[in-house]
Protein backbone atom coordinates (compact mmCIF):
# COMPACT_ATOMS: atom_id res chain seq x y z
CA MET A 1 -0.92 4.36 -11.63
CA LYS A 2 0.43 7.26 -9.58
CA LEU A 3 3.64 5.88 -8.12
CA SER A 4 4.09 8.96 -5.96
CA LYS A 5 1.38 7.63 -3.63
CA PHE A 6 3.96 5.06 -2.47
CA CYS A 7 6.67 7.65 -1.88
CA GLU A 8 7.00 10.82 0.16
CA GLU A 9 9.46 13.70 -0.09
CA ASN A 10 11.30 12.43 3.01
CA LEU A 11 11.92 9.12 1.18
CA VAL A 12 14.07 10.84 -1.45
CA SER A 13 17.83 11.31 -1.09
CA PHE A 14 20.10 13.01 -3.60
CA ASP A 15 23.17 12.25 -1.52
CA ILE A 16 23.74 8.51 -1.19
CA LYS A 17 27.22 8.33 0.34
CA ALA A 18 27.90 4.58 0.41
CA ALA A 19 30.82 3.26 -1.58
CA ASP A 20 29.51 -0.28 -1.97
CA LYS A 21 26.33 -2.21 -2.68
CA ASP A 22 25.58 -3.19 0.91
CA GLY A 23 26.07 0.37 2.11
CA VAL A 24 23.59 1.62 -0.50
CA LEU A 25 21.06 -0.99 0.63
CA GLU A 26 21.46 0.19 4.23
CA GLU A 27 20.99 3.86 3.30
CA LEU A 28 17.91 3.08 1.20
CA VAL A 29 16.39 0.92 3.94
CA ASP A 30 17.04 3.71 6.46
CA LEU A 31 15.13 6.07 4.16
CA ALA A 32 12.26 3.62 3.72
CA ALA A 33 12.14 2.97 7.47
CA SER A 34 11.24 6.62 8.04
CA SER A 35 7.85 5.78 6.50
CA ASN A 36 5.08 4.83 8.89
CA MET A 37 4.37 1.93 6.51
CA ILE A 38 7.57 0.15 7.62
CA LYS A 39 7.29 -1.66 10.95
CA ASN A 40 10.80 -3.10 11.29
CA ARG A 41 13.91 -1.63 9.66
CA ASP A 42 16.18 -4.59 10.45
CA GLN A 43 13.71 -7.11 9.00
CA LEU A 44 13.39 -5.02 5.84
CA LEU A 45 17.17 -4.84 5.45
CA SER A 46 17.47 -8.60 5.93
CA ASP A 47 14.76 -9.27 3.35
CA VAL A 48 16.25 -6.85 0.81
CA ARG A 49 19.70 -8.41 1.23
CA GLU A 50 18.24 -11.90 0.87
CA ARG A 51 16.46 -10.91 -2.35
CA GLU A 52 19.60 -9.23 -3.71
CA GLU A 53 21.59 -12.43 -3.17
CA LEU A 54 19.27 -14.31 -5.54
CA VAL A 55 20.08 -12.09 -8.52
CA THR A 56 21.16 -8.49 -8.87
CA THR A 57 18.50 -5.81 -9.09
CA GLY A 58 20.90 -3.59 -11.05
CA VAL A 59 19.02 -3.64 -14.34
CA GLY A 60 21.35 -1.46 -16.39
CA TRP A 61 21.33 2.13 -17.61
CA GLY A 62 22.71 3.15 -14.20
CA VAL A 63 19.50 2.02 -12.45
CA ALA A 64 18.73 -0.53 -9.72
CA PHE A 65 15.47 -1.66 -8.13
CA PRO A 66 16.35 -3.38 -4.86
CA HIS A 67 13.13 -4.79 -3.45
CA ALA A 68 11.52 -7.28 -1.11
CA LYS A 69 8.18 -8.66 -0.09
CA THR A 70 8.41 -8.45 3.67
CA LYS A 71 6.50 -8.78 6.92
CA SER A 72 7.94 -5.41 7.88
CA ALA A 73 5.82 -3.49 5.33
CA LYS A 74 2.19 -2.52 5.99
CA GLY A 75 1.90 -1.20 2.43
CA ILE A 76 4.04 -0.54 -0.63
CA VAL A 77 6.86 1.94 -0.05
CA ILE A 78 9.27 3.40 -2.60
CA ALA A 79 12.47 5.11 -1.47
CA PHE A 80 14.62 6.87 -4.07
CA GLY A 81 18.34 7.47 -3.80
CA ARG A 82 20.89 9.07 -6.11
CA HIS A 83 24.64 8.55 -5.99
CA SER A 84 26.61 11.33 -7.65
CA THR A 85 29.26 9.17 -9.33
CA GLY A 86 27.69 5.71 -9.30
CA ILE A 87 28.87 2.55 -7.61
CA ASP A 88 29.46 -1.06 -8.60
CA PHE A 89 26.10 -2.73 -7.95
CA ASP A 90 26.75 -5.91 -9.99
CA ALA A 91 24.46 -4.47 -12.66
CA MET A 92 23.54 -6.63 -15.62
CA ASP A 93 25.38 -4.26 -17.99
CA HIS A 94 28.42 -4.10 -15.64
CA GLN A 95 28.13 -0.30 -15.43
CA PRO A 96 28.04 1.80 -12.24
CA VAL A 97 24.61 2.54 -10.76
CA SER A 98 23.55 6.04 -9.71
CA LEU A 99 19.75 5.80 -9.51
CA PHE A 100 18.13 3.54 -6.93
CA PHE A 101 14.49 2.76 -6.24
CA LEU A 102 14.00 0.59 -3.16
CA ILE A 103 10.58 -1.06 -3.20
CA ALA A 104 9.17 -2.67 -0.06
CA ALA A 105 5.87 -4.52 -0.26
CA PRO A 106 3.80 -6.57 2.17
CA GLU A 107 4.04 -10.33 1.75
CA ASP A 108 0.43 -10.51 0.63
CA ALA A 109 0.88 -7.90 -2.14
CA ILE A 110 0.59 -10.46 -4.91
CA GLY A 111 1.00 -8.35 -8.02
CA ALA A 112 1.03 -4.75 -6.85
CA HIS A 113 4.78 -4.55 -6.29
CA LEU A 114 5.37 -6.10 -9.73
CA ASN A 115 3.20 -3.40 -11.29
CA VAL A 116 5.25 -0.75 -9.46
CA MET A 117 8.51 -2.26 -10.72
CA ALA A 118 7.16 -2.56 -14.25
CA ARG A 119 6.08 1.08 -14.26
CA LEU A 120 9.42 2.27 -12.88
CA SER A 121 11.28 0.09 -15.38
CA PHE A 122 9.27 1.59 -18.22
CA LEU A 123 10.08 5.12 -17.02
CA MET A 124 13.79 4.34 -16.59
CA LYS A 125 14.17 2.99 -20.13
CA SER A 126 14.05 6.62 -21.25
CA ALA A 127 17.45 8.33 -21.28
CA GLU A 128 15.61 11.64 -20.87
CA ASN A 129 13.91 10.44 -17.67
CA ARG A 130 17.19 9.13 -16.25
CA GLU A 131 18.83 12.46 -17.03
CA ARG A 132 15.96 14.32 -15.35
CA LEU A 133 16.51 12.26 -12.20
CA MET A 134 20.26 12.89 -12.26
CA ASN A 135 19.53 16.62 -12.45
CA ALA A 136 16.50 16.72 -10.13
CA ALA A 137 16.84 19.51 -7.59
CA SER A 138 13.94 18.68 -5.27
CA PRO A 139 12.05 15.62 -4.05
CA GLY A 140 9.02 17.06 -5.83
CA ASP A 141 10.87 16.69 -9.15
CA VAL A 142 11.32 12.98 -8.43
CA LEU A 143 7.69 12.47 -7.44
CA ALA A 144 6.52 14.29 -10.57
CA LEU A 145 8.68 12.06 -12.76
CA MET A 146 7.28 8.95 -11.06
CA ASP A 147 3.82 10.03 -12.20
CA LYS A 148 4.90 10.93 -15.73
CA ILE A 149 2.88 9.21 -18.42
CA ASP A 150 4.63 8.65 -21.75
């Protein structure tokens, strides 16, 4: 699966500025909302916040996958953000998070968004891949890593 088909260069930010979890969610949703696949930014933010309240999407290794199935998405969208120092995201390993993949999926996307998350999780288990993202210099570097097959 080529994950880059769900992302575009304008959905990649190497300069997340927020100092807290909610601020990161807002910045990521703003990125995602620049996609023509997102119909309603405020609805997406509400749905992502609601999902995050259930259980943290900070999975460890400095990575988080905030996500939502939402009426505001016409298709799957991935927005990537990087925070230079990391922030407290209530991650399962209690470590700061620097790498964020926001995933928005239509409500009727039964398993597709789970496949996207599984693929991203697999890629982020690799310390080498996480390091490559921390050092990525262009959105193209991020998209290429998303399509990497180990």
